[in-house]
C-alpha atoms as a PDB file:
ATOM      1  CA  UNK A   1      -5.214  14.430 -12.390  1.00  0.00           C
ATOM      2  CA  UNK A   2      -8.439  12.622 -11.539  1.00  0.00           C
ATOM      3  CA  UNK A   3      -7.892   9.371  -9.683  1.00  0.00           C
ATOM      4  CA  UNK A   4     -10.390   6.536  -9.204  1.00  0.00           C
ATOM      5  CA  UNK A   5     -11.418   5.164  -5.815  1.00  0.00           C
ATOM      6  CA  UNK A   6      -9.963   1.771  -6.756  1.00  0.00           C
ATOM      7  CA  UNK A   7      -6.563   3.204  -7.688  1.00  0.00           C
ATOM      8  CA  UNK A   8      -6.571   5.327  -4.528  1.00  0.00           C
ATOM      9  CA  UNK A   9      -7.239   2.266  -2.331  1.00  0.00           C
ATOM     10  CA  UNK A  10      -4.571   0.315  -4.216  1.00  0.00           C
ATOM     11  CA  UNK A  11      -2.048   3.094  -3.510  1.00  0.00           C
ATOM     12  CA  UNK A  12      -3.059   3.059   0.162  1.00  0.00           C
ATOM     13  CA  UNK A  13      -2.341  -0.662   0.338  1.00  0.00           C
ATOM     14  CA  UNK A  14       1.045  -0.169  -1.326  1.00  0.00           C
ATOM     15  CA  UNK A  15       2.041   2.714   0.971  1.00  0.00           C
ATOM     16  CA  UNK A  16       1.358   0.389   3.899  1.00  0.00           C
ATOM     17  CA  UNK A  17       2.709  -2.932   2.631  1.00  0.00           C
ATOM     18  CA  UNK A  18       4.307  -2.378  -0.760  1.00  0.00           C
ATOM     19  CA  UNK A  19       7.854  -2.344  -2.063  1.00  0.00           C
ATOM     20  CA  UNK A  20       9.524  -1.634  -5.379  1.00  0.00           C
ATOM     21  CA  UNK A  21      12.305  -3.959  -6.479  1.00  0.00           C
ATOM     22  CA  UNK A  22      14.698  -2.864  -9.212  1.00  0.00           C
ATOM     23  CA  UNK A  23      17.608  -5.268  -9.630  1.00  0.00           C
ATOM     24  CA  UNK A  24      19.796  -7.096 -12.097  1.00  0.00           C
ATOM     25  CA  UNK A  25      20.455 -10.814 -11.944  1.00  0.00           C
ATOM     26  CA  UNK A  26      21.941 -13.677 -13.925  1.00  0.00           C
ATOM     27  CA  UNK A  27      20.291 -17.074 -14.067  1.00  0.00           C
ATOM     28  CA  UNK A  28      19.684 -20.167 -16.194  1.00  0.00           C
ATOM     29  CA  UNK A  29      16.186 -20.982 -17.432  1.00  0.00           C
ATOM     30  CA  UNK A  30      14.592 -23.719 -19.538  1.00  0.00           C
ATOM     31  CA  UNK A  31      12.534 -22.848 -22.625  1.00  0.00           C
ATOM     32  CA  UNK A  32       9.891 -25.571 -23.032  1.00  0.00           C
ATOM     33  CA  UNK A  33       9.063 -24.656 -26.634  1.00  0.00           C
ATOM     34  CA  UNK A  34      12.675 -25.011 -27.773  1.00  0.00           C
ATOM     35  CA  UNK A  35      13.537 -27.746 -25.270  1.00  0.00           C
ATOM     36  CA  UNK A  36      16.747 -25.945 -24.420  1.00  0.00           C
ATOM     37  CA  UNK A  37      18.481 -24.182 -21.497  1.00  0.00           C
ATOM     38  CA  UNK A  38      19.429 -20.515 -21.790  1.00  0.00           C
ATOM     39  CA  UNK A  39      21.473 -18.180 -19.638  1.00  0.00           C
ATOM     40  CA  UNK A  40      20.204 -14.680 -18.887  1.00  0.00           C
ATOM     41  CA  UNK A  41      23.118 -12.380 -18.036  1.00  0.00           C
ATOM     42  CA  UNK A  42      22.584  -9.241 -15.992  1.00  0.00           C
ATOM     43  CA  UNK A  43      18.850  -9.196 -16.714  1.00  0.00           C
ATOM     44  CA  UNK A  44      16.936  -6.182 -15.388  1.00  0.00           C
ATOM     45  CA  UNK A  45      14.038  -7.033 -13.094  1.00  0.00           C
ATOM     46  CA  UNK A  46      11.436  -4.512 -12.022  1.00  0.00           C
ATOM     47  CA  UNK A  47       8.492  -5.425  -9.887  1.00  0.00           C
ATOM     48  CA  UNK A  48       6.217  -4.142  -7.185  1.00  0.00           C
ATOM     49  CA  UNK A  49       5.281  -6.490  -4.375  1.00  0.00           C
ATOM     50  CA  UNK A  50       2.380  -6.269  -1.972  1.00  0.00           C
ATOM     51  CA  UNK A  51       2.937  -8.579   0.984  1.00  0.00           C
ATOM     52  CA  UNK A  52       0.462  -9.618   3.661  1.00  0.00           C
ATOM     53  CA  UNK A  53      -0.418 -12.869   5.405  1.00  0.00           C
ATOM     54  CA  UNK A  54      -4.151 -12.089   5.402  1.00  0.00           C
ATOM     55  CA  UNK A  55      -5.717 -13.804   2.355  1.00  0.00           C
ATOM     56  CA  UNK A  56      -8.726 -11.461   2.492  1.00  0.00           C
ATOM     57  CA  UNK A  57      -6.423  -8.456   1.971  1.00  0.00           C
ATOM     58  CA  UNK A  58      -4.520 -10.225  -0.810  1.00  0.00           C
ATOM     59  CA  UNK A  59      -7.794 -11.006  -2.614  1.00  0.00           C
ATOM     60  CA  UNK A  60      -8.992  -7.423  -2.180  1.00  0.00           C
ATOM     61  CA  UNK A  61      -5.696  -6.096  -3.586  1.00  0.00           C
ATOM     62  CA  UNK A  62      -5.981  -8.455  -6.566  1.00  0.00           C
ATOM     63  CA  UNK A  63      -9.597  -7.362  -7.125  1.00  0.00           C
ATOM     64  CA  UNK A  64      -8.479  -3.706  -7.204  1.00  0.00           C
ATOM     65  CA  UNK A  65      -5.718  -4.513  -9.732  1.00  0.00           C
ATOM     66  CA  UNK A  66      -8.242  -6.312 -11.931  1.00  0.00           C
ATOM     67  CA  UNK A  67     -10.788  -3.494 -11.690  1.00  0.00           C
ATOM     68  CA  UNK A  68      -8.287  -0.677 -12.335  1.00  0.00           C
ATOM     69  CA  UNK A  69      -5.845  -2.287 -14.797  1.00  0.00           C
ATOM     70  CA  UNK A  70      -7.545  -5.506 -16.031  1.00  0.00           C
ATOM     71  CA  UNK A  71      -4.522  -7.313 -14.563  1.00  0.00           C
ATOM     72  CA  UNK A  72      -4.783 -10.278 -12.236  1.00  0.00           C
ATOM     73  CA  UNK A  73      -1.468 -11.818 -11.129  1.00  0.00           C
ATOM     74  CA  UNK A  74      -1.327 -15.014  -9.108  1.00  0.00           C
ATOM     75  CA  UNK A  75      -1.595 -14.748  -5.362  1.00  0.00           C
ATOM     76  CA  UNK A  76       1.497 -16.389  -3.950  1.00  0.00           C
ATOM     77  CA  UNK A  77       1.637 -17.595  -0.358  1.00  0.00           C
ATOM     78  CA  UNK A  78       1.839 -14.143   1.243  1.00  0.00           C
ATOM     79  CA  UNK A  79       2.347 -11.696  -1.630  1.00  0.00           C
ATOM     80  CA  UNK A  80       1.294 -10.435  -5.017  1.00  0.00           C
ATOM     81  CA  UNK A  81       3.912  -9.366  -7.569  1.00  0.00           C
ATOM     82  CA  UNK A  82       3.172  -6.759 -10.222  1.00  0.00           C
ATOM     83  CA  UNK A  83       5.544  -7.238 -13.161  1.00  0.00           C
ATOM     84  CA  UNK A  84       3.746  -5.317 -15.908  1.00  0.00           C
ATOM     85  CA  UNK A  85       5.820  -2.209 -16.656  1.00  0.00           C
ATOM     86  CA  UNK A  86       2.907   0.086 -17.526  1.00  0.00           C
ATOM     87  CA  UNK A  87       1.254  -0.608 -14.164  1.00  0.00           C
ATOM     88  CA  UNK A  88       4.549  -0.192 -12.296  1.00  0.00           C
ATOM     89  CA  UNK A  89       5.060   3.178 -14.015  1.00  0.00           C
ATOM     90  CA  UNK A  90       1.496   4.297 -13.194  1.00  0.00           C
ATOM     91  CA  UNK A  91       2.044   3.517  -9.512  1.00  0.00           C
ATOM     92  CA  UNK A  92       5.526   5.057  -9.295  1.00  0.00           C
ATOM     93  CA  UNK A  93       4.251   8.229 -10.988  1.00  0.00           C
ATOM     94  CA  UNK A  94       1.985   8.669  -7.951  1.00  0.00           C
ATOM     95  CA  UNK A  95       4.341   7.783  -5.067  1.00  0.00           C
ATOM     96  CA  UNK A  96       7.615   6.114  -4.222  1.00  0.00           C
ATOM     97  CA  UNK A  97       7.339   2.819  -2.378  1.00  0.00           C
ATOM     98  CA  UNK A  98       9.183   1.622   0.694  1.00  0.00           C
ATOM     99  CA  UNK A  99       8.558   2.006   4.407  1.00  0.00           C
ATOM    100  CA  UNK A 100      10.488   5.303   4.651  1.00  0.00           C
ATOM    101  CA  UNK A 101       9.880   6.622   1.112  1.00  0.00           C
ATOM    102  CA  UNK A 102       6.119   6.608   0.522  1.00  0.00           C
ATOM    103  CA  UNK A 103       3.946   9.675   0.671  1.00  0.00           C
ATOM    104  CA  UNK A 104       0.269  10.381   0.089  1.00  0.00           C
ATOM    105  CA  UNK A 105      -0.035  11.084  -3.657  1.00  0.00           C
ATOM    106  CA  UNK A 106      -0.931  14.645  -4.671  1.00  0.00           C
ATOM    107  CA  UNK A 107      -3.790  13.250  -6.753  1.00  0.00           C
ATOM    108  CA  UNK A 108      -5.304  11.851  -3.529  1.00  0.00           C
ATOM    109  CA  UNK A 109      -4.688  15.030  -1.519  1.00  0.00           C
ATOM    110  CA  UNK A 110      -6.510  17.103  -4.163  1.00  0.00           C
ATOM    111  CA  UNK A 111      -9.320  14.579  -4.671  1.00  0.00           C
ATOM    112  CA  UNK A 112     -12.896  14.332  -3.437  1.00  0.00           C
ATOM    113  CA  UNK A 113     -13.661  12.862  -0.021  1.00  0.00           C
ATOM    114  CA  UNK A 114     -14.660   9.464  -1.488  1.00  0.00           C
ATOM    115  CA  UNK A 115     -11.195   9.041  -3.012  1.00  0.00           C
ATOM    116  CA  UNK A 116      -9.562  10.096   0.273  1.00  0.00           C
ATOM    117  CA  UNK A 117     -11.673   7.534   2.157  1.00  0.00           C
ATOM    118  CA  UNK A 118     -10.520   4.851  -0.288  1.00  0.00           C
ATOM    119  CA  UNK A 119      -6.854   5.706   0.255  1.00  0.00           C
ATOM    120  CA  UNK A 120      -7.295   5.629   4.040  1.00  0.00           C
ATOM    121  CA  UNK A 121      -9.142   2.312   3.752  1.00  0.00           C
ATOM    122  CA  UNK A 122      -6.249   0.755   1.826  1.00  0.00           C
ATOM    123  CA  UNK A 123      -3.613   2.225   4.113  1.00  0.00           C
ATOM    124  CA  UNK A 124      -5.493   1.248   7.275  1.00  0.00           C
ATOM    125  CA  UNK A 125      -6.049  -2.320   6.073  1.00  0.00           C
ATOM    126  CA  UNK A 126      -2.306  -2.626   5.595  1.00  0.00           C
ATOM    127  CA  UNK A 127      -0.881  -0.765   8.605  1.00  0.00           C
ATOM    128  CA  UNK A 128      -3.792  -0.306  10.987  1.00  0.00           C
ATOM    129  CA  UNK A 129      -5.375  -2.141  13.882  1.00  0.00           C
ATOM    130  CA  UNK A 130      -9.015  -2.257  14.861  1.00  0.00           C
ATOM    131  CA  UNK A 131      -9.704  -3.530  18.351  1.00  0.00           C
ATOM    132  CA  UNK A 132     -10.874  -1.405  21.255  1.00  0.00           C
ATOM    133  CA  UNK A 133      -8.710   1.300  19.712  1.00  0.00           C
ATOM    134  CA  UNK A 134      -8.166   2.352  16.122  1.00  0.00           C
ATOM    135  CA  UNK A 135      -4.508   2.990  15.345  1.00  0.00           C
ATOM    136  CA  UNK A 136      -2.232   3.322  12.326  1.00  0.00           C
ATOM    137  CA  UNK A 137       1.486   2.573  12.628  1.00  0.00           C
ATOM    138  CA  UNK A 138       4.462   3.590  10.505  1.00  0.00           C
ATOM    139  CA  UNK A 139       8.178   4.304  10.636  1.00  0.00           C
ATOM    140  CA  UNK A 140       7.536   7.082   8.084  1.00  0.00           C
ATOM    141  CA  UNK A 141       6.657  10.155  10.167  1.00  0.00           C
ATOM    142  CA  UNK A 142       6.272  12.468   7.139  1.00  0.00           C
ATOM    143  CA  UNK A 143       3.898  10.043   5.427  1.00  0.00           C
ATOM    144  CA  UNK A 144       1.893   9.621   8.637  1.00  0.00           C
ATOM    145  CA  UNK A 145       1.546  13.415   8.957  1.00  0.00           C
ATOM    146  CA  UNK A 146       0.046  13.462   5.450  1.00  0.00           C
ATOM    147  CA  UNK A 147      -2.424  10.716   6.452  1.00  0.00           C
ATOM    148  CA  UNK A 148      -3.249  12.838   9.512  1.00  0.00           C
ATOM    149  CA  UNK A 149      -4.148  15.773   7.223  1.00  0.00           C
ATOM    150  CA  UNK A 150      -6.524  13.507   5.287  1.00  0.00           C
ATOM    151  CA  UNK A 151      -8.187  12.402   8.531  1.00  0.00           C
ATOM    152  CA  UNK A 152      -8.553  16.056   9.574  1.00  0.00           C
ATOM    153  CA  UNK A 153     -10.187  16.817   6.240  1.00  0.00           C
ATOM    154  CA  UNK A 154     -12.726  14.047   6.973  1.00  0.00           C
ATOM    155  CA  UNK A 155     -13.320  15.573  10.440  1.00  0.00           C
ATOM    156  CA  UNK A 156     -11.983  12.513  12.269  1.00  0.00           C
ATOM    157  CA  UNK A 157     -10.409  13.555  15.572  1.00  0.00           C
ATOM    158  CA  UNK A 158      -7.070  11.902  16.193  1.00  0.00           C
ATOM    159  CA  UNK A 159      -3.542  12.449  17.436  1.00  0.00           C
ATOM    160  CA  UNK A 160      -0.055  11.406  16.361  1.00  0.00           C
ATOM    161  CA  UNK A 161       2.004   9.685  19.057  1.00  0.00           C
ATOM    162  CA  UNK A 162       5.661   8.723  19.139  1.00  0.00           C
ATOM    163  CA  UNK A 163       8.344   8.104  18.400  1.00  0.00           C
ATOM    164  CA  UNK A 164       8.329   4.797  20.216  1.00  0.00           C
ATOM    165  CA  UNK A 165      11.797   3.333  20.527  1.00  0.00           C
ATOM    166  CA  UNK A 166      12.445  -0.394  20.389  1.00  0.00           C
ATOM    167  CA  UNK A 167      15.806  -2.151  20.699  1.00  0.00           C
ATOM    168  CA  UNK A 168      17.505  -2.660  17.307  1.00  0.00           C
ATOM    169  CA  UNK A 169      14.454  -1.338  15.437  1.00  0.00           C
ATOM    170  CA  UNK A 170      13.518   1.896  13.709  1.00  0.00           C
ATOM    171  CA  UNK A 171      11.438   4.530  15.508  1.00  0.00           C
ATOM    172  CA  UNK A 172       7.721   3.938  15.069  1.00  0.00           C
ATOM    173  CA  UNK A 173       4.876   6.432  15.151  1.00  0.00           C
ATOM    174  CA  UNK A 174       1.140   5.968  15.570  1.00  0.00           C
ATOM    175  CA  UNK A 175      -2.046   7.770  14.658  1.00  0.00           C
ATOM    176  CA  UNK A 176      -4.640   7.178  17.339  1.00  0.00           C
ATOM    177  CA  UNK A 177      -8.291   7.794  16.440  1.00  0.00           C
ATOM    178  CA  UNK A 178     -10.169   9.050  19.507  1.00  0.00           C
ATOM    179  CA  UNK A 179     -12.518   6.514  21.052  1.00  0.00           C
ATOM    180  CA  UNK A 180     -15.467   8.879  20.498  1.00  0.00           C
ATOM    181  CA  UNK A 181     -14.729   8.731  16.733  1.00  0.00           C
ATOM    182  CA  UNK A 182     -14.575   4.915  16.504  1.00  0.00           C
ATOM    183  CA  UNK A 183     -18.054   4.353  15.055  1.00  0.00           C
ATOM    184  CA  UNK A 184     -17.714   7.328  12.707  1.00  0.00           C
ATOM    185  CA  UNK A 185     -14.381   5.977  11.424  1.00  0.00           C
ATOM    186  CA  UNK A 186     -15.832   2.502  10.820  1.00  0.00           C
ATOM    187  CA  UNK A 187     -18.904   3.847   8.981  1.00  0.00           C
ATOM    188  CA  UNK A 188     -16.844   6.269   6.823  1.00  0.00           C
ATOM    189  CA  UNK A 189     -13.857   4.055   5.976  1.00  0.00           C
ATOM    190  CA  UNK A 190     -15.448   0.573   6.100  1.00  0.00           C
ATOM    191  CA  UNK A 191     -12.227  -1.312   6.910  1.00  0.00           C
ATOM    192  CA  UNK A 192     -11.952  -5.004   6.003  1.00  0.00           C
ATOM    193  CA  UNK A 193     -10.447  -5.995   9.360  1.00  0.00           C
END
């Protein structure tokens, strides 16, 4: 399957900061047209959420949704919710979502370098830091190993470190891009941070 750069970057964002919510709930709502209250019993809710406190990243995510799916949901305080079933299905056909469940989609692994760069850009903007050092963090070691393979394919020298143990927290792993590769990484990936 051929995947666009926009969809690849969107998937990178969601692997870093996305979650899939599938639940049932009961609630009362008011229908303005009928001027009447109704009760919804055991209603199925499916949605994908992208959460981040950085408004620049939220706007970029929304731009990618608009470009790829002609869909532009409201930006809430620190998140964007995708409720359209066809878009949810398109995303979940590529990868599961959740901090321990995500993986690099096969369509990205088999894609051209430009698509791989887009995925890394999205993932880095969600779970990376750019200061004196360039690092990616995740609790998902298997997913991080797949990101490492993409970086190797782009000839970016790096290493995986960890696990780092923290009290009452999950193990965390890091990809560290070598200092000598910093400028190359920035020019190839063009992170927003």
